[in-house]
C-alpha atoms as a PDB file:
ATOM      1  CA  UNK A   1      22.480  31.932  47.198  1.00  0.00           C
ATOM      2  CA  UNK A   2      23.362  31.701  43.499  1.00  0.00           C
ATOM      3  CA  UNK A   3      24.199  28.064  42.777  1.00  0.00           C
ATOM      4  CA  UNK A   4      26.396  29.072  39.848  1.00  0.00           C
ATOM      5  CA  UNK A   5      28.661  31.040  42.159  1.00  0.00           C
ATOM      6  CA  UNK A   6      28.875  28.654  45.069  1.00  0.00           C
ATOM      7  CA  UNK A   7      29.641  25.417  43.284  1.00  0.00           C
ATOM      8  CA  UNK A   8      32.021  23.108  45.086  1.00  0.00           C
ATOM      9  CA  UNK A   9      32.891  21.194  41.915  1.00  0.00           C
ATOM     10  CA  UNK A  10      36.530  21.400  40.903  1.00  0.00           C
ATOM     11  CA  UNK A  11      37.285  23.370  37.753  1.00  0.00           C
ATOM     12  CA  UNK A  12      37.444  21.401  34.527  1.00  0.00           C
ATOM     13  CA  UNK A  13      40.783  21.545  32.719  1.00  0.00           C
ATOM     14  CA  UNK A  14      44.149  22.804  33.844  1.00  0.00           C
ATOM     15  CA  UNK A  15      44.547  25.946  35.962  1.00  0.00           C
ATOM     16  CA  UNK A  16      45.111  29.130  33.976  1.00  0.00           C
ATOM     17  CA  UNK A  17      48.896  29.135  34.381  1.00  0.00           C
ATOM     18  CA  UNK A  18      49.162  25.592  33.081  1.00  0.00           C
ATOM     19  CA  UNK A  19      46.832  26.331  30.163  1.00  0.00           C
ATOM     20  CA  UNK A  20      49.076  29.252  29.200  1.00  0.00           C
ATOM     21  CA  UNK A  21      52.126  26.985  29.478  1.00  0.00           C
ATOM     22  CA  UNK A  22      50.462  24.299  27.341  1.00  0.00           C
ATOM     23  CA  UNK A  23      49.576  26.893  24.698  1.00  0.00           C
ATOM     24  CA  UNK A  24      53.185  28.120  24.645  1.00  0.00           C
ATOM     25  CA  UNK A  25      54.408  24.532  24.202  1.00  0.00           C
ATOM     26  CA  UNK A  26      51.966  24.110  21.304  1.00  0.00           C
ATOM     27  CA  UNK A  27      53.302  27.272  19.648  1.00  0.00           C
ATOM     28  CA  UNK A  28      56.878  26.045  20.081  1.00  0.00           C
ATOM     29  CA  UNK A  29      55.989  22.686  18.544  1.00  0.00           C
ATOM     30  CA  UNK A  30      54.336  24.376  15.567  1.00  0.00           C
ATOM     31  CA  UNK A  31      57.363  26.597  14.869  1.00  0.00           C
ATOM     32  CA  UNK A  32      59.107  25.958  11.549  1.00  0.00           C
ATOM     33  CA  UNK A  33      62.654  25.495  12.838  1.00  0.00           C
ATOM     34  CA  UNK A  34      64.092  25.376   9.330  1.00  0.00           C
ATOM     35  CA  UNK A  35      63.395  29.111   9.061  1.00  0.00           C
ATOM     36  CA  UNK A  36      65.740  29.892  11.972  1.00  0.00           C
ATOM     37  CA  UNK A  37      69.461  30.573  11.751  1.00  0.00           C
ATOM     38  CA  UNK A  38      71.932  28.169  13.335  1.00  0.00           C
ATOM     39  CA  UNK A  39      72.730  30.755  16.019  1.00  0.00           C
ATOM     40  CA  UNK A  40      69.078  31.129  16.970  1.00  0.00           C
ATOM     41  CA  UNK A  41      68.548  27.375  16.986  1.00  0.00           C
ATOM     42  CA  UNK A  42      71.555  26.829  19.254  1.00  0.00           C
ATOM     43  CA  UNK A  43      70.386  29.573  21.620  1.00  0.00           C
ATOM     44  CA  UNK A  44      66.889  28.065  21.727  1.00  0.00           C
ATOM     45  CA  UNK A  45      68.312  24.665  22.697  1.00  0.00           C
ATOM     46  CA  UNK A  46      70.126  26.217  25.654  1.00  0.00           C
ATOM     47  CA  UNK A  47      67.151  28.302  26.768  1.00  0.00           C
ATOM     48  CA  UNK A  48      64.777  25.349  26.445  1.00  0.00           C
ATOM     49  CA  UNK A  49      67.049  23.195  28.625  1.00  0.00           C
ATOM     50  CA  UNK A  50      67.120  25.887  31.312  1.00  0.00           C
ATOM     51  CA  UNK A  51      63.342  26.193  31.145  1.00  0.00           C
ATOM     52  CA  UNK A  52      62.948  22.421  31.442  1.00  0.00           C
ATOM     53  CA  UNK A  53      65.134  22.458  34.541  1.00  0.00           C
ATOM     54  CA  UNK A  54      63.005  25.217  36.055  1.00  0.00           C
ATOM     55  CA  UNK A  55      59.817  23.333  35.249  1.00  0.00           C
ATOM     56  CA  UNK A  56      61.268  20.156  36.707  1.00  0.00           C
ATOM     57  CA  UNK A  57      61.998  22.061  39.914  1.00  0.00           C
ATOM     58  CA  UNK A  58      58.446  23.398  40.015  1.00  0.00           C
ATOM     59  CA  UNK A  59      57.060  19.899  39.397  1.00  0.00           C
ATOM     60  CA  UNK A  60      59.107  18.542  42.307  1.00  0.00           C
ATOM     61  CA  UNK A  61      57.919  21.374  44.560  1.00  0.00           C
ATOM     62  CA  UNK A  62      54.278  20.698  43.697  1.00  0.00           C
ATOM     63  CA  UNK A  63      54.737  16.950  43.989  1.00  0.00           C
ATOM     64  CA  UNK A  64      56.172  17.421  47.483  1.00  0.00           C
ATOM     65  CA  UNK A  65      53.090  19.435  48.395  1.00  0.00           C
ATOM     66  CA  UNK A  66      50.730  16.751  47.067  1.00  0.00           C
ATOM     67  CA  UNK A  67      52.655  14.089  48.958  1.00  0.00           C
ATOM     68  CA  UNK A  68      52.780  16.073  52.213  1.00  0.00           C
ATOM     69  CA  UNK A  69      49.027  16.676  52.117  1.00  0.00           C
ATOM     70  CA  UNK A  70      48.207  13.094  51.160  1.00  0.00           C
ATOM     71  CA  UNK A  71      46.428  14.481  48.103  1.00  0.00           C
ATOM     72  CA  UNK A  72      47.534  11.788  45.646  1.00  0.00           C
ATOM     73  CA  UNK A  73      44.377  10.499  43.980  1.00  0.00           C
ATOM     74  CA  UNK A  74      42.356  13.638  44.710  1.00  0.00           C
ATOM     75  CA  UNK A  75      42.174  14.311  40.951  1.00  0.00           C
ATOM     76  CA  UNK A  76      39.897  11.265  40.692  1.00  0.00           C
ATOM     77  CA  UNK A  77      38.364  11.535  44.164  1.00  0.00           C
ATOM     78  CA  UNK A  78      40.200   8.381  45.256  1.00  0.00           C
ATOM     79  CA  UNK A  79      42.500   7.426  48.071  1.00  0.00           C
ATOM     80  CA  UNK A  80      45.639   5.633  46.948  1.00  0.00           C
ATOM     81  CA  UNK A  81      48.245   3.656  48.848  1.00  0.00           C
ATOM     82  CA  UNK A  82      51.089   6.011  48.052  1.00  0.00           C
ATOM     83  CA  UNK A  83      52.043   8.991  45.964  1.00  0.00           C
ATOM     84  CA  UNK A  84      54.437   6.755  44.011  1.00  0.00           C
ATOM     85  CA  UNK A  85      51.624   4.320  43.175  1.00  0.00           C
ATOM     86  CA  UNK A  86      49.410   7.207  42.094  1.00  0.00           C
ATOM     87  CA  UNK A  87      52.116   8.586  39.798  1.00  0.00           C
ATOM     88  CA  UNK A  88      52.794   5.161  38.316  1.00  0.00           C
ATOM     89  CA  UNK A  89      49.132   4.669  37.575  1.00  0.00           C
ATOM     90  CA  UNK A  90      48.303   8.128  36.271  1.00  0.00           C
ATOM     91  CA  UNK A  91      51.502   8.724  34.295  1.00  0.00           C
ATOM     92  CA  UNK A  92      52.018   5.085  33.268  1.00  0.00           C
ATOM     93  CA  UNK A  93      55.449   4.929  34.861  1.00  0.00           C
ATOM     94  CA  UNK A  94      57.307   1.675  35.327  1.00  0.00           C
ATOM     95  CA  UNK A  95      58.202   0.396  38.774  1.00  0.00           C
ATOM     96  CA  UNK A  96      61.748   0.839  39.909  1.00  0.00           C
ATOM     97  CA  UNK A  97      64.217   3.594  40.213  1.00  0.00           C
ATOM     98  CA  UNK A  98      63.598   6.592  37.964  1.00  0.00           C
ATOM     99  CA  UNK A  99      66.239   7.381  35.386  1.00  0.00           C
ATOM    100  CA  UNK A 100      68.166  10.605  35.716  1.00  0.00           C
ATOM    101  CA  UNK A 101      66.997  13.186  33.210  1.00  0.00           C
ATOM    102  CA  UNK A 102      69.790  15.675  33.571  1.00  0.00           C
ATOM    103  CA  UNK A 103      72.393  16.133  30.917  1.00  0.00           C
ATOM    104  CA  UNK A 104      72.232  15.605  27.180  1.00  0.00           C
ATOM    105  CA  UNK A 105      70.252  12.651  25.802  1.00  0.00           C
ATOM    106  CA  UNK A 106      73.310  10.947  24.337  1.00  0.00           C
ATOM    107  CA  UNK A 107      75.072  10.926  20.991  1.00  0.00           C
ATOM    108  CA  UNK A 108      73.386  12.957  18.307  1.00  0.00           C
ATOM    109  CA  UNK A 109      72.553  11.247  15.034  1.00  0.00           C
ATOM    110  CA  UNK A 110      74.776  13.811  13.296  1.00  0.00           C
ATOM    111  CA  UNK A 111      77.795  12.302  15.085  1.00  0.00           C
ATOM    112  CA  UNK A 112      77.394   8.980  13.277  1.00  0.00           C
END
């Protein structure tokens, strides 16, 4: 048996799909937005919002799977009291009710 092929260690780093997503986010962040027309910038804002909503839906789907399997803490080979406690600890979230993230962030500085 080849020990390099039968390792039970989890892979290091994000899965391929998430690495591709992270690379795309890095490219978006590096984009010089001043070189884009107003039309393109407005379209990008709308598309980005739709993509965020889709990603939020995927995150909720995967979170439900982690919760249903009791897998919270598996990333650090630990058992935790609850999925909520695990999220608070790993993502540094405050206790309490989460704030709604839908809709625009509020008045734009250009409105002042």
